[in-house]
C-alpha atoms as a PDB file:
ATOM      1  CA  MET A   1      92.054  86.962  38.365  1.00  0.00           C
ATOM      2  CA  GLY A   2      92.778  86.799  34.667  1.00  0.00           C
ATOM      3  CA  TYR A   3      92.031  83.068  34.628  1.00  0.00           C
ATOM      4  CA  VAL A   4      88.587  83.655  36.139  1.00  0.00           C
ATOM      5  CA  VAL A   5      87.689  86.206  33.507  1.00  0.00           C
ATOM      6  CA  LEU A   6      88.900  83.823  30.791  1.00  0.00           C
ATOM      7  CA  LEU A   7      86.802  80.952  32.119  1.00  0.00           C
ATOM      8  CA  GLY A   8      83.745  83.204  32.342  1.00  0.00           C
ATOM      9  CA  ALA A   9      84.237  84.315  28.774  1.00  0.00           C
ATOM     10  CA  LEU A  10      84.507  80.689  27.588  1.00  0.00           C
ATOM     11  CA  ALA A  11      81.335  79.736  29.453  1.00  0.00           C
ATOM     12  CA  LEU A  12      79.481  82.675  27.926  1.00  0.00           C
ATOM     13  CA  LEU A  13      80.629  81.712  24.442  1.00  0.00           C
ATOM     14  CA  THR A  14      79.510  78.125  25.019  1.00  0.00           C
ATOM     15  CA  MET A  15      76.061  79.257  26.126  1.00  0.00           C
ATOM     16  CA  LEU A  16      75.775  81.499  23.125  1.00  0.00           C
ATOM     17  CA  LEU A  17      76.812  78.654  20.853  1.00  0.00           C
ATOM     18  CA  PHE A  18      74.208  76.240  22.257  1.00  0.00           C
ATOM     19  CA  SER A  19      71.471  78.879  22.111  1.00  0.00           C
ATOM     20  CA  THR A  20      72.363  79.832  18.554  1.00  0.00           C
ATOM     21  CA  VAL A  21      72.870  76.461  16.858  1.00  0.00           C
ATOM     22  CA  ARG A  22      69.992  73.976  16.997  1.00  0.00           C
ATOM     23  CA  VAL A  23      69.663  70.561  15.270  1.00  0.00           C
ATOM     24  CA  VAL A  24      66.120  69.294  14.584  1.00  0.00           C
ATOM     25  CA  LYS A  25      65.728  65.503  14.542  1.00  0.00           C
ATOM     26  CA  GLN A  26      63.955  63.640  11.743  1.00  0.00           C
ATOM     27  CA  GLY A  27      60.220  63.255  12.357  1.00  0.00           C
ATOM     28  CA  TYR A  28      59.977  66.424  14.419  1.00  0.00           C
ATOM     29  CA  VAL A  29      59.361  70.111  13.711  1.00  0.00           C
ATOM     30  CA  TYR A  30      60.433  72.827  16.163  1.00  0.00           C
ATOM     31  CA  THR A  31      58.512  76.058  16.471  1.00  0.00           C
ATOM     32  CA  VAL A  32      60.811  79.088  16.714  1.00  0.00           C
ATOM     33  CA  GLU A  33      59.581  82.065  18.696  1.00  0.00           C
ATOM     34  CA  ARG A  34      61.201  85.469  18.292  1.00  0.00           C
ATOM     35  CA  LEU A  35      60.576  87.639  21.298  1.00  0.00           C
ATOM     36  CA  GLY A  36      57.655  85.384  22.194  1.00  0.00           C
ATOM     37  CA  ARG A  37      56.030  85.367  18.747  1.00  0.00           C
ATOM     38  CA  PHE A  38      55.867  82.293  16.480  1.00  0.00           C
ATOM     39  CA  THR A  39      57.927  83.033  13.394  1.00  0.00           C
ATOM     40  CA  LEU A  40      59.293  79.766  12.013  1.00  0.00           C
ATOM     41  CA  ALA A  41      58.583  76.032  11.896  1.00  0.00           C
ATOM     42  CA  ALA A  42      62.075  74.552  11.826  1.00  0.00           C
ATOM     43  CA  GLN A  43      62.271  71.424   9.694  1.00  0.00           C
ATOM     44  CA  PRO A  44      64.734  68.571  10.428  1.00  0.00           C
ATOM     45  CA  GLY A  45      68.355  69.730  10.085  1.00  0.00           C
ATOM     46  CA  LEU A  46      70.747  72.453  11.339  1.00  0.00           C
ATOM     47  CA  HIS A  47      69.355  75.897  12.195  1.00  0.00           C
ATOM     48  CA  ILE A  48      71.057  79.123  13.428  1.00  0.00           C
ATOM     49  CA  LEU A  49      69.033  81.238  15.875  1.00  0.00           C
ATOM     50  CA  LEU A  50      69.647  84.742  17.140  1.00  0.00           C
ATOM     51  CA  PRO A  51      70.892  84.546  20.698  1.00  0.00           C
ATOM     52  CA  PHE A  52      68.653  86.045  23.363  1.00  0.00           C
ATOM     53  CA  VAL A  53      66.055  86.809  20.642  1.00  0.00           C
ATOM     54  CA  ASP A  54      64.947  83.458  19.175  1.00  0.00           C
ATOM     55  CA  ARG A  55      64.047  80.398  21.173  1.00  0.00           C
ATOM     56  CA  VAL A  56      62.430  76.980  20.556  1.00  0.00           C
ATOM     57  CA  GLY A  57      58.803  77.042  21.649  1.00  0.00           C
ATOM     58  CA  HIS A  58      57.441  73.468  21.006  1.00  0.00           C
ATOM     59  CA  LYS A  59      58.874  70.254  19.702  1.00  0.00           C
ATOM     60  CA  VAL A  60      56.036  68.807  17.591  1.00  0.00           C
ATOM     61  CA  ASN A  61      56.009  65.119  16.635  1.00  0.00           C
ATOM     62  CA  MET A  62      55.056  64.884  12.939  1.00  0.00           C
ATOM     63  CA  MET A  63      54.833  61.068  12.804  1.00  0.00           C
ATOM     64  CA  GLU A  64      51.518  59.193  12.918  1.00  0.00           C
ATOM     65  CA  GLN A  65      50.563  58.580  16.524  1.00  0.00           C
ATOM     66  CA  VAL A  66      48.144  56.316  18.384  1.00  0.00           C
ATOM     67  CA  LEU A  67      45.941  57.588  21.177  1.00  0.00           C
ATOM     68  CA  ASP A  68      44.245  55.016  23.414  1.00  0.00           C
ATOM     69  CA  ILE A  69      40.711  55.965  24.458  1.00  0.00           C
ATOM     70  CA  PRO A  70      39.940  54.507  27.918  1.00  0.00           C
ATOM     71  CA  GLY A  71      36.855  52.324  28.498  1.00  0.00           C
ATOM     72  CA  GLN A  72      33.514  54.108  28.459  1.00  0.00           C
ATOM     73  CA  GLU A  73      30.099  53.018  29.748  1.00  0.00           C
ATOM     74  CA  ILE A  74      27.531  53.846  27.074  1.00  0.00           C
ATOM     75  CA  ILE A  75      23.749  53.466  27.150  1.00  0.00           C
ATOM     76  CA  THR A  76      22.345  52.331  23.798  1.00  0.00           C
ATOM     77  CA  ALA A  77      19.022  53.308  22.275  1.00  0.00           C
ATOM     78  CA  ASP A  78      17.310  50.248  23.798  1.00  0.00           C
ATOM     79  CA  ASN A  79      18.636  51.108  27.291  1.00  0.00           C
ATOM     80  CA  ALA A  80      21.417  48.514  27.382  1.00  0.00           C
ATOM     81  CA  MET A  81      24.641  49.401  29.199  1.00  0.00           C
ATOM     82  CA  VAL A  82      27.773  48.432  27.273  1.00  0.00           C
ATOM     83  CA  GLY A  83      31.470  49.052  27.856  1.00  0.00           C
ATOM     84  CA  VAL A  84      33.483  50.343  24.884  1.00  0.00           C
ATOM     85  CA  ASP A  85      37.238  50.747  24.247  1.00  0.00           C
ATOM     86  CA  ALA A  86      38.648  52.557  21.214  1.00  0.00           C
ATOM     87  CA  VAL A  87      41.881  53.830  19.648  1.00  0.00           C
ATOM     88  CA  VAL A  88      42.523  56.882  17.475  1.00  0.00           C
ATOM     89  CA  PHE A  89      45.282  57.236  14.869  1.00  0.00           C
ATOM     90  CA  PHE A  90      46.250  60.790  13.928  1.00  0.00           C
ATOM     91  CA  GLN A  91      49.092  62.759  12.344  1.00  0.00           C
ATOM     92  CA  VAL A  92      50.121  66.415  12.691  1.00  0.00           C
ATOM     93  CA  LEU A  93      50.174  68.232   9.376  1.00  0.00           C
ATOM     94  CA  ASP A  94      50.697  71.816  10.560  1.00  0.00           C
ATOM     95  CA  ALA A  95      53.086  72.195  13.503  1.00  0.00           C
ATOM     96  CA  GLY A  96      52.158  75.850  14.150  1.00  0.00           C
ATOM     97  CA  LYS A  97      48.430  75.117  14.460  1.00  0.00           C
ATOM     98  CA  ALA A  98      49.014  71.986  16.543  1.00  0.00           C
ATOM     99  CA  ALA A  99      51.221  73.992  18.929  1.00  0.00           C
ATOM    100  CA  TYR A 100      49.218  77.193  19.228  1.00  0.00           C
ATOM    101  CA  GLU A 101      45.581  76.478  18.200  1.00  0.00           C
ATOM    102  CA  VAL A 102      44.853  74.038  21.042  1.00  0.00           C
ATOM    103  CA  SER A 103      46.220  73.987  24.563  1.00  0.00           C
ATOM    104  CA  ASN A 104      46.396  70.212  25.162  1.00  0.00           C
ATOM    105  CA  LEU A 105      46.323  68.363  21.857  1.00  0.00           C
ATOM    106  CA  TYR A 106      46.128  64.798  23.243  1.00  0.00           C
ATOM    107  CA  GLY A 107      43.526  65.654  25.859  1.00  0.00           C
ATOM    108  CA  ALA A 108      41.426  67.529  23.312  1.00  0.00           C
ATOM    109  CA  ILE A 109      41.450  64.585  20.858  1.00  0.00           C
ATOM    110  CA  MET A 110      40.551  62.158  23.641  1.00  0.00           C
ATOM    111  CA  ALA A 111      37.664  64.276  24.911  1.00  0.00           C
ATOM    112  CA  LEU A 112      36.322  64.881  21.417  1.00  0.00           C
ATOM    113  CA  THR A 113      36.466  61.168  20.510  1.00  0.00           C
ATOM    114  CA  THR A 114      34.787  60.111  23.770  1.00  0.00           C
ATOM    115  CA  THR A 115      31.837  62.477  23.399  1.00  0.00           C
ATOM    116  CA  ASN A 116      31.242  61.549  19.762  1.00  0.00           C
ATOM    117  CA  LEU A 117      31.552  57.868  20.630  1.00  0.00           C
ATOM    118  CA  ARG A 118      28.734  58.257  23.144  1.00  0.00           C
ATOM    119  CA  THR A 119      26.659  60.182  20.606  1.00  0.00           C
ATOM    120  CA  VAL A 120      27.082  57.673  17.773  1.00  0.00           C
ATOM    121  CA  MET A 121      26.591  54.486  19.793  1.00  0.00           C
ATOM    122  CA  GLY A 122      23.828  55.998  21.904  1.00  0.00           C
ATOM    123  CA  SER A 123      21.691  56.402  18.777  1.00  0.00           C
ATOM    124  CA  MET A 124      21.912  52.669  17.972  1.00  0.00           C
ATOM    125  CA  ASP A 125      20.419  49.643  19.699  1.00  0.00           C
ATOM    126  CA  LEU A 126      22.484  46.810  21.142  1.00  0.00           C
ATOM    127  CA  ASP A 127      22.307  44.526  18.125  1.00  0.00           C
ATOM    128  CA  GLU A 128      23.437  47.325  15.832  1.00  0.00           C
ATOM    129  CA  THR A 129      26.376  48.237  18.055  1.00  0.00           C
ATOM    130  CA  LEU A 130      27.540  44.607  18.030  1.00  0.00           C
ATOM    131  CA  SER A 131      27.078  44.007  14.301  1.00  0.00           C
ATOM    132  CA  LYS A 132      27.905  47.398  12.751  1.00  0.00           C
ATOM    133  CA  ARG A 133      31.385  48.222  13.989  1.00  0.00           C
ATOM    134  CA  ASP A 134      32.511  49.361  10.560  1.00  0.00           C
ATOM    135  CA  GLU A 135      29.658  51.841  10.394  1.00  0.00           C
ATOM    136  CA  ILE A 136      30.496  53.173  13.880  1.00  0.00           C
ATOM    137  CA  ASN A 137      34.175  53.549  12.936  1.00  0.00           C
ATOM    138  CA  ALA A 138      33.319  55.408   9.723  1.00  0.00           C
ATOM    139  CA  ARG A 139      30.925  57.828  11.454  1.00  0.00           C
ATOM    140  CA  LEU A 140      33.409  58.557  14.234  1.00  0.00           C
ATOM    141  CA  LEU A 141      36.210  59.135  11.717  1.00  0.00           C
ATOM    142  CA  VAL A 142      34.183  61.718   9.783  1.00  0.00           C
ATOM    143  CA  VAL A 143      32.989  63.594  12.879  1.00  0.00           C
ATOM    144  CA  VAL A 144      36.321  63.684  14.754  1.00  0.00           C
ATOM    145  CA  ASP A 145      38.380  64.527  11.676  1.00  0.00           C
ATOM    146  CA  GLU A 146      36.113  67.445  10.829  1.00  0.00           C
ATOM    147  CA  ALA A 147      36.281  68.744  14.407  1.00  0.00           C
ATOM    148  CA  THR A 148      40.089  68.520  14.644  1.00  0.00           C
ATOM    149  CA  SER A 149      40.952  69.925  11.213  1.00  0.00           C
ATOM    150  CA  PRO A 150      41.442  73.523  12.607  1.00  0.00           C
ATOM    151  CA  TRP A 151      44.165  72.130  14.874  1.00  0.00           C
ATOM    152  CA  GLY A 152      46.357  71.160  11.941  1.00  0.00           C
ATOM    153  CA  ILE A 153      45.994  67.390  12.444  1.00  0.00           C
ATOM    154  CA  LYS A 154      44.538  64.579  10.367  1.00  0.00           C
ATOM    155  CA  ILE A 155      42.553  61.730  11.938  1.00  0.00           C
ATOM    156  CA  THR A 156      43.535  58.717   9.848  1.00  0.00           C
ATOM    157  CA  ARG A 157      41.574  56.007  11.631  1.00  0.00           C
ATOM    158  CA  VAL A 158      39.205  55.365  14.534  1.00  0.00           C
ATOM    159  CA  GLU A 159      38.762  51.754  15.665  1.00  0.00           C
ATOM    160  CA  ILE A 160      36.486  50.155  18.269  1.00  0.00           C
ATOM    161  CA  LYS A 161      38.646  47.687  20.186  1.00  0.00           C
ATOM    162  CA  ASP A 162      36.061  45.986  22.364  1.00  0.00           C
ATOM    163  CA  ILE A 163      32.341  46.105  23.176  1.00  0.00           C
ATOM    164  CA  ARG A 164      31.338  44.452  26.448  1.00  0.00           C
ATOM    165  CA  PRO A 165      27.604  43.873  26.935  1.00  0.00           C
ATOM    166  CA  PRO A 166      26.242  42.999  30.423  1.00  0.00           C
ATOM    167  CA  LEU A 167      26.545  39.434  31.686  1.00  0.00           C
ATOM    168  CA  ASP A 168      22.823  38.649  31.567  1.00  0.00           C
ATOM    169  CA  ILE A 169      22.567  39.985  28.034  1.00  0.00           C
ATOM    170  CA  SER A 170      25.592  37.904  27.027  1.00  0.00           C
ATOM    171  CA  GLU A 171      23.924  34.762  28.409  1.00  0.00           C
ATOM    172  CA  ALA A 172      20.672  35.595  26.628  1.00  0.00           C
ATOM    173  CA  MET A 173      22.571  36.154  23.393  1.00  0.00           C
ATOM    174  CA  ALA A 174      24.353  32.825  23.829  1.00  0.00           C
ATOM    175  CA  ARG A 175      21.012  31.030  24.282  1.00  0.00           C
ATOM    176  CA  GLN A 176      19.580  32.841  21.291  1.00  0.00           C
ATOM    177  CA  MET A 177      22.575  31.897  19.173  1.00  0.00           C
ATOM    178  CA  LYS A 178      22.267  28.257  20.247  1.00  0.00           C
ATOM    179  CA  ALA A 179      18.547  28.204  19.418  1.00  0.00           C
ATOM    180  CA  GLU A 180      19.231  29.803  16.050  1.00  0.00           C
ATOM    181  CA  ARG A 181      21.906  27.253  15.234  1.00  0.00           C
ATOM    182  CA  LEU A 182      19.628  24.374  16.257  1.00  0.00           C
ATOM    183  CA  LYS A 183      16.891  25.833  14.091  1.00  0.00           C
ATOM    184  CA  ARG A 184      19.205  26.087  11.107  1.00  0.00           C
ATOM    185  CA  ALA A 185      20.449  22.541  11.718  1.00  0.00           C
ATOM    186  CA  GLU A 186      16.878  21.201  11.760  1.00  0.00           C
ATOM    187  CA  ILE A 187      16.030  23.164   8.628  1.00  0.00           C
ATOM    188  CA  LEU A 188      19.088  21.814   6.846  1.00  0.00           C
ATOM    189  CA  GLU A 189      18.289  18.282   7.982  1.00  0.00           C
ATOM    190  CA  ALA A 190      14.684  18.622   6.758  1.00  0.00           C
ATOM    191  CA  GLU A 191      15.858  19.995   3.425  1.00  0.00           C
ATOM    192  CA  GLY A 192      18.337  17.154   3.101  1.00  0.00           C
ATOM    193  CA  ASP A 193      15.633  14.581   3.864  1.00  0.00           C
ATOM    194  CA  ARG A 194      13.308  16.189   1.333  1.00  0.00           C
ATOM    195  CA  ALA A 195      16.011  16.218  -1.320  1.00  0.00           C
ATOM    196  CA  SER A 196      16.778  12.565  -0.538  1.00  0.00           C
ATOM    197  CA  ARG A 197      13.115  11.584  -0.879  1.00  0.00           C
ATOM    198  CA  ILE A 198      12.809  13.495  -4.135  1.00  0.00           C
ATOM    199  CA  LEU A 199      15.909  11.833  -5.547  1.00  0.00           C
ATOM    200  CA  ARG A 200      14.709   8.420  -4.379  1.00  0.00           C
ATOM    201  CA  ALA A 201      11.300   9.000  -5.984  1.00  0.00           C
ATOM    202  CA  GLU A 202      12.972  10.151  -9.187  1.00  0.00           C
ATOM    203  CA  GLY A 203      15.105   7.021  -9.155  1.00  0.00           C
ATOM    204  CA  GLU A 204      12.081   4.770  -8.645  1.00  0.00           C
ATOM    205  CA  LYS A 205      10.275   6.610 -11.415  1.00  0.00           C
ATOM    206  CA  GLN A 206      13.172   6.138 -13.811  1.00  0.00           C
ATOM    207  CA  SER A 207      13.467   2.514 -12.747  1.00  0.00           C
ATOM    208  CA  ALA A 208       9.755   1.913 -13.398  1.00  0.00           C
ATOM    209  CA  ILE A 209      10.022   3.619 -16.783  1.00  0.00           C
ATOM    210  CA  LEU A 210      13.044   1.565 -17.770  1.00  0.00           C
ATOM    211  CA  SER A 211      11.383  -1.633 -16.491  1.00  0.00           C
ATOM    212  CA  ALA A 212       8.234  -0.899 -18.516  1.00  0.00           C
ATOM    213  CA  GLU A 213      10.315  -0.160 -21.584  1.00  0.00           C
ATOM    214  CA  GLY A 214      12.239  -3.391 -21.031  1.00  0.00           C
ATOM    215  CA  LYS A 215       9.029  -5.397 -20.688  1.00  0.00           C
ATOM    216  CA  ARG A 216       7.617  -3.774 -23.803  1.00  0.00           C
ATOM    217  CA  GLU A 217      10.802  -4.545 -25.725  1.00  0.00           C
ATOM    218  CA  ALA A 218      10.750  -8.128 -24.403  1.00  0.00           C
ATOM    219  CA  ALA A 219       7.097  -8.470 -25.449  1.00  0.00           C
ATOM    220  CA  PHE A 220       7.954  -7.198 -28.926  1.00  0.00           C
ATOM    221  CA  ARG A 221      10.873  -9.628 -29.162  1.00  0.00           C
ATOM    222  CA  ASP A 222       8.716 -12.512 -27.867  1.00  0.00           C
ATOM    223  CA  ALA A 223       5.974 -11.703 -30.349  1.00  0.00           C
ATOM    224  CA  GLU A 224       8.563 -11.486 -33.115  1.00  0.00           C
ATOM    225  CA  ALA A 225      10.015 -14.853 -32.050  1.00  0.00           C
ATOM    226  CA  ARG A 226       6.546 -16.454 -32.008  1.00  0.00           C
ATOM    227  CA  GLU A 227       5.833 -14.949 -35.397  1.00  0.00           C
ATOM    228  CA  ARG A 228       9.049 -16.378 -36.796  1.00  0.00           C
ATOM    229  CA  ALA A 229       8.331 -19.766 -35.169  1.00  0.00           C
ATOM    230  CA  ALA A 230       4.854 -19.713 -36.685  1.00  0.00           C
ATOM    231  CA  GLU A 231       6.326 -18.849 -40.065  1.00  0.00           C
ATOM    232  CA  ALA A 232       8.807 -21.734 -39.733  1.00  0.00           C
ATOM    233  CA  GLU A 233       6.013 -24.096 -38.639  1.00  0.00           C
ATOM    234  CA  ALA A 234       3.911 -22.951 -41.576  1.00  0.00           C
ATOM    235  CA  ARG A 235       6.783 -23.533 -43.965  1.00  0.00           C
ATOM    236  CA  ALA A 236       7.393 -26.998 -42.440  1.00  0.00           C
ATOM    237  CA  THR A 237       3.682 -27.820 -42.687  1.00  0.00           C
ATOM    238  CA  GLN A 238       3.659 -26.616 -46.281  1.00  0.00           C
ATOM    239  CA  MET A 239       6.661 -28.796 -47.076  1.00  0.00           C
ATOM    240  CA  VAL A 240       4.976 -31.796 -45.448  1.00  0.00           C
ATOM    241  CA  SER A 241       1.787 -31.081 -47.366  1.00  0.00           C
ATOM    242  CA  ASP A 242       3.760 -30.855 -50.614  1.00  0.00           C
ATOM    243  CA  ALA A 243       5.513 -34.150 -49.830  1.00  0.00           C
ATOM    244  CA  ILE A 244       2.207 -35.861 -49.057  1.00  0.00           C
ATOM    245  CA  ALA A 245       0.680 -34.463 -52.224  1.00  0.00           C
ATOM    246  CA  ASP A 246       3.619 -35.742 -54.273  1.00  0.00           C
ATOM    247  CA  SER A 247       4.127 -39.156 -52.594  1.00  0.00           C
ATOM    248  CA  GLY A 248       0.688 -40.060 -51.303  1.00  0.00           C
ATOM    249  CA  ASN A 249       0.329 -42.661 -48.518  1.00  0.00           C
ATOM    250  CA  SER A 250       4.054 -43.468 -48.531  1.00  0.00           C
ATOM    251  CA  ALA A 251       4.956 -40.101 -47.026  1.00  0.00           C
ATOM    252  CA  ILE A 252       2.093 -40.363 -44.530  1.00  0.00           C
ATOM    253  CA  ASN A 253       3.256 -43.777 -43.376  1.00  0.00           C
ATOM    254  CA  TYR A 254       6.835 -42.474 -43.041  1.00  0.00           C
ATOM    255  CA  PHE A 255       5.861 -39.576 -40.815  1.00  0.00           C
ATOM    256  CA  ILE A 256       3.526 -41.718 -38.698  1.00  0.00           C
ATOM    257  CA  ALA A 257       6.231 -44.352 -38.185  1.00  0.00           C
ATOM    258  CA  GLN A 258       8.753 -41.645 -37.243  1.00  0.00           C
ATOM    259  CA  GLU A 259       6.491 -40.087 -34.594  1.00  0.00           C
ATOM    260  CA  TYR A 260       5.506 -43.550 -33.348  1.00  0.00           C
ATOM    261  CA  THR A 261       9.151 -44.434 -32.829  1.00  0.00           C
ATOM    262  CA  LYS A 262       9.762 -41.238 -30.841  1.00  0.00           C
ATOM    263  CA  ALA A 263       6.734 -41.954 -28.631  1.00  0.00           C
ATOM    264  CA  ILE A 264       7.905 -45.500 -27.885  1.00  0.00           C
ATOM    265  CA  GLY A 265      11.394 -44.174 -26.992  1.00  0.00           C
ATOM    266  CA  LYS A 266       9.947 -41.970 -24.260  1.00  0.00           C
ATOM    267  CA  PHE A 267       8.876 -45.007 -22.237  1.00  0.00           C
ATOM    268  CA  ALA A 268      12.519 -45.794 -21.530  1.00  0.00           C
ATOM    269  CA  ASP A 269      13.181 -42.303 -20.081  1.00  0.00           C
ATOM    270  CA  SER A 270      11.022 -42.917 -17.003  1.00  0.00           C
ATOM    271  CA  PRO A 271      13.404 -43.526 -14.010  1.00  0.00           C
ATOM    272  CA  ASN A 272      10.741 -45.108 -11.760  1.00  0.00           C
ATOM    273  CA  ALA A 273       9.067 -47.369 -14.285  1.00  0.00           C
ATOM    274  CA  LYS A 274       9.452 -51.055 -13.377  1.00  0.00           C
ATOM    275  CA  THR A 275       6.533 -52.253 -15.443  1.00  0.00           C
ATOM    276  CA  ILE A 276       5.861 -50.801 -18.929  1.00  0.00           C
ATOM    277  CA  LEU A 277       2.632 -51.462 -20.875  1.00  0.00           C
ATOM    278  CA  PHE A 278       2.846 -51.336 -24.661  1.00  0.00           C
ATOM    279  CA  PRO A 279       0.054 -51.478 -27.201  1.00  0.00           C
ATOM    280  CA  ILE A 280      -0.285 -54.813 -28.879  1.00  0.00           C
ATOM    281  CA  GLU A 281       0.925 -53.465 -32.169  1.00  0.00           C
ATOM    282  CA  ALA A 282       4.223 -52.400 -30.514  1.00  0.00           C
ATOM    283  CA  THR A 283       5.506 -55.936 -31.036  1.00  0.00           C
ATOM    284  CA  GLN A 284       5.277 -55.328 -34.743  1.00  0.00           C
ATOM    285  CA  LEU A 285       7.544 -52.233 -34.495  1.00  0.00           C
ATOM    286  CA  VAL A 286      10.713 -54.161 -35.303  1.00  0.00           C
ATOM    287  CA  GLY A 287       9.166 -55.606 -38.402  1.00  0.00           C
ATOM    288  CA  SER A 288       7.793 -52.277 -39.409  1.00  0.00           C
ATOM    289  CA  LEU A 289      11.261 -50.652 -39.332  1.00  0.00           C
ATOM    290  CA  GLY A 290      12.284 -52.681 -42.337  1.00  0.00           C
ATOM    291  CA  GLY A 291       9.118 -51.667 -44.131  1.00  0.00           C
ATOM    292  CA  ILE A 292       9.853 -48.004 -43.432  1.00  0.00           C
ATOM    293  CA  GLY A 293      13.007 -48.279 -45.553  1.00  0.00           C
ATOM    294  CA  GLU A 294      10.978 -49.738 -48.397  1.00  0.00           C
ATOM    295  CA  LEU A 295       8.367 -46.978 -48.041  1.00  0.00           C
ATOM    296  CA  LEU A 296      11.077 -44.376 -48.135  1.00  0.00           C
ATOM    297  CA  GLY A 297      12.597 -45.955 -51.239  1.00  0.00           C
ATOM    298  CA  ASP A 298       9.248 -46.039 -52.979  1.00  0.00           C
ATOM    299  CA  ALA A 299       8.559 -42.405 -52.020  1.00  0.00           C
ATOM    300  CA  LEU A 300      11.834 -41.265 -53.508  1.00  0.00           C
ATOM    301  CA  LYS A 301      11.192 -42.928 -56.868  1.00  0.00           C
ATOM    302  CA  PRO A 302      10.054 -40.499 -59.548  1.00  0.00           C
ATOM    303  CA  GLY A 303       6.502 -40.772 -60.782  1.00  0.00           C
ATOM    304  CA  THR A 304       5.441 -43.077 -58.002  1.00  0.00           C
ATOM    305  CA  GLY A 305       1.843 -43.100 -57.025  1.00  0.00           C
ATOM    306  CA  GLN A 306       0.269 -44.003 -53.747  1.00  0.00           C
ATOM    307  CA  SER A 307       1.814 -46.947 -51.992  1.00  0.00           C
ATOM    308  CA  SER A 308      -0.142 -50.168 -51.748  1.00  0.00           C
ATOM    309  CA  THR A 309       1.167 -50.779 -48.236  1.00  0.00           C
ATOM    310  CA  PRO A 310      -1.758 -50.292 -45.866  1.00  0.00           C
ATOM    311  CA  LEU A 311      -1.470 -48.322 -42.634  1.00  0.00           C
ATOM    312  CA  PRO A 312      -1.012 -50.300 -39.472  1.00  0.00           C
ATOM    313  CA  PRO A 313      -4.326 -51.158 -37.855  1.00  0.00           C
ATOM    314  CA  ALA A 314      -5.561 -49.036 -35.000  1.00  0.00           C
ATOM    315  CA  ALA A 315      -4.648 -50.356 -31.638  1.00  0.00           C
ATOM    316  CA  ASP A 316      -7.336 -51.488 -29.263  1.00  0.00           C
ATOM    317  CA  PRO A 317      -6.687 -49.675 -25.957  1.00  0.00           C
ATOM    318  CA  ARG A 318      -7.943 -52.752 -24.061  1.00  0.00           C
ATOM    319  CA  GLU A 319      -5.395 -55.017 -25.636  1.00  0.00           C
ATOM    320  CA  ARG A 320      -2.027 -54.521 -23.906  1.00  0.00           C
ATOM    321  CA  VAL A 321       1.038 -56.643 -23.571  1.00  0.00           C
ATOM    322  CA  ARG A 322       2.592 -56.647 -20.113  1.00  0.00           C
ATOM    323  CA  VAL A 323       6.370 -56.611 -20.135  1.00  0.00           C
ATOM    324  CA  GLN A 324       8.024 -57.427 -16.846  1.00  0.00           C
ATOM    325  CA  ARG A 325      11.590 -57.597 -15.729  1.00  0.00           C
ATOM    326  CA  PRO A 326      12.988 -61.159 -15.460  1.00  0.00           C
ATOM    327  CA  SER A 327      12.836 -62.452 -11.923  1.00  0.00           C
ATOM    328  CA  VAL A 328      16.115 -63.237 -10.211  1.00  0.00           C
ATOM    329  CA  PRO A 329      16.205 -66.605  -8.383  1.00  0.00           C
ATOM    330  CA  ARG A 330      16.826 -66.333  -4.664  1.00  0.00           C
ATOM    331  CA  SER A 331      19.787 -68.064  -3.102  1.00  0.00           C
ATOM    332  CA  ARG A 332      19.439 -70.776  -0.524  1.00  0.00           C
ATOM    333  CA  ASP A 333      21.026 -68.595   2.126  1.00  0.00           C
ATOM    334  CA  SER A 334      18.170 -66.107   1.828  1.00  0.00           C
END
């Protein structure tokens, strides 16, 4: 009998110990109720409670949490039905308010986010809902955070996960996107062709300008060359005139004989000439060459007057001497 009483006493002490000493884990806050009234928000660590008077009411998670909003069918302003999924990130800042200001914290946040999601996206058309996700997220964050602030929580972020337009609208959008891309491709191709034509025209223009400048420069150089040639010819003519004035007929005979010799030498340059006709005075050319030396000697003597050697007589064009190649005798075999 004594052993039974002892065991009962030990069990009672153990129950008192567990109900008195409580350890709060990191990241959580326990609400302590004394006789049913909230009195303390126990922070992480060891806490001593009054047995049979104090008890733990709620274990509140103080870490940032993620709440998944299930898919919703929303009608946009242009009467398009779209499916939307979202997520909400929140954190409890006041454990007492989160435990006692709202009955079901997670359900309340979900319901509040869903209704405001319908309100925000229902005021926008389909194109805006697809292209302005950041604006939708920002508007939802402001509205939901303001509505949940009395509950002691902070909405840190609201994100739209997915927007699903109807199948026919998706196909129409795909065709529209394809047409838009083809349009932009044609515009870019036309702009490229125009730029190419402009550059080609500019190149031709520059080429024409440079060609004209080159021709003008060539014309100036040609004119300058002709001018210098004319000056040289004038100086040569002046020198010849001075020589004739100083030497008289001797210089004239020298120049005539020189040009006559050059003209006779051109007959031998003809590759197809088999028969060459010379003027009759050409036979006297060999004899005249010796006289040219005498004329030149007389012209170089100082103080010499006009030479007494007469000019060769003018040739009669009807009088010609025919010079033929010697005939080769044929052999008897031919």
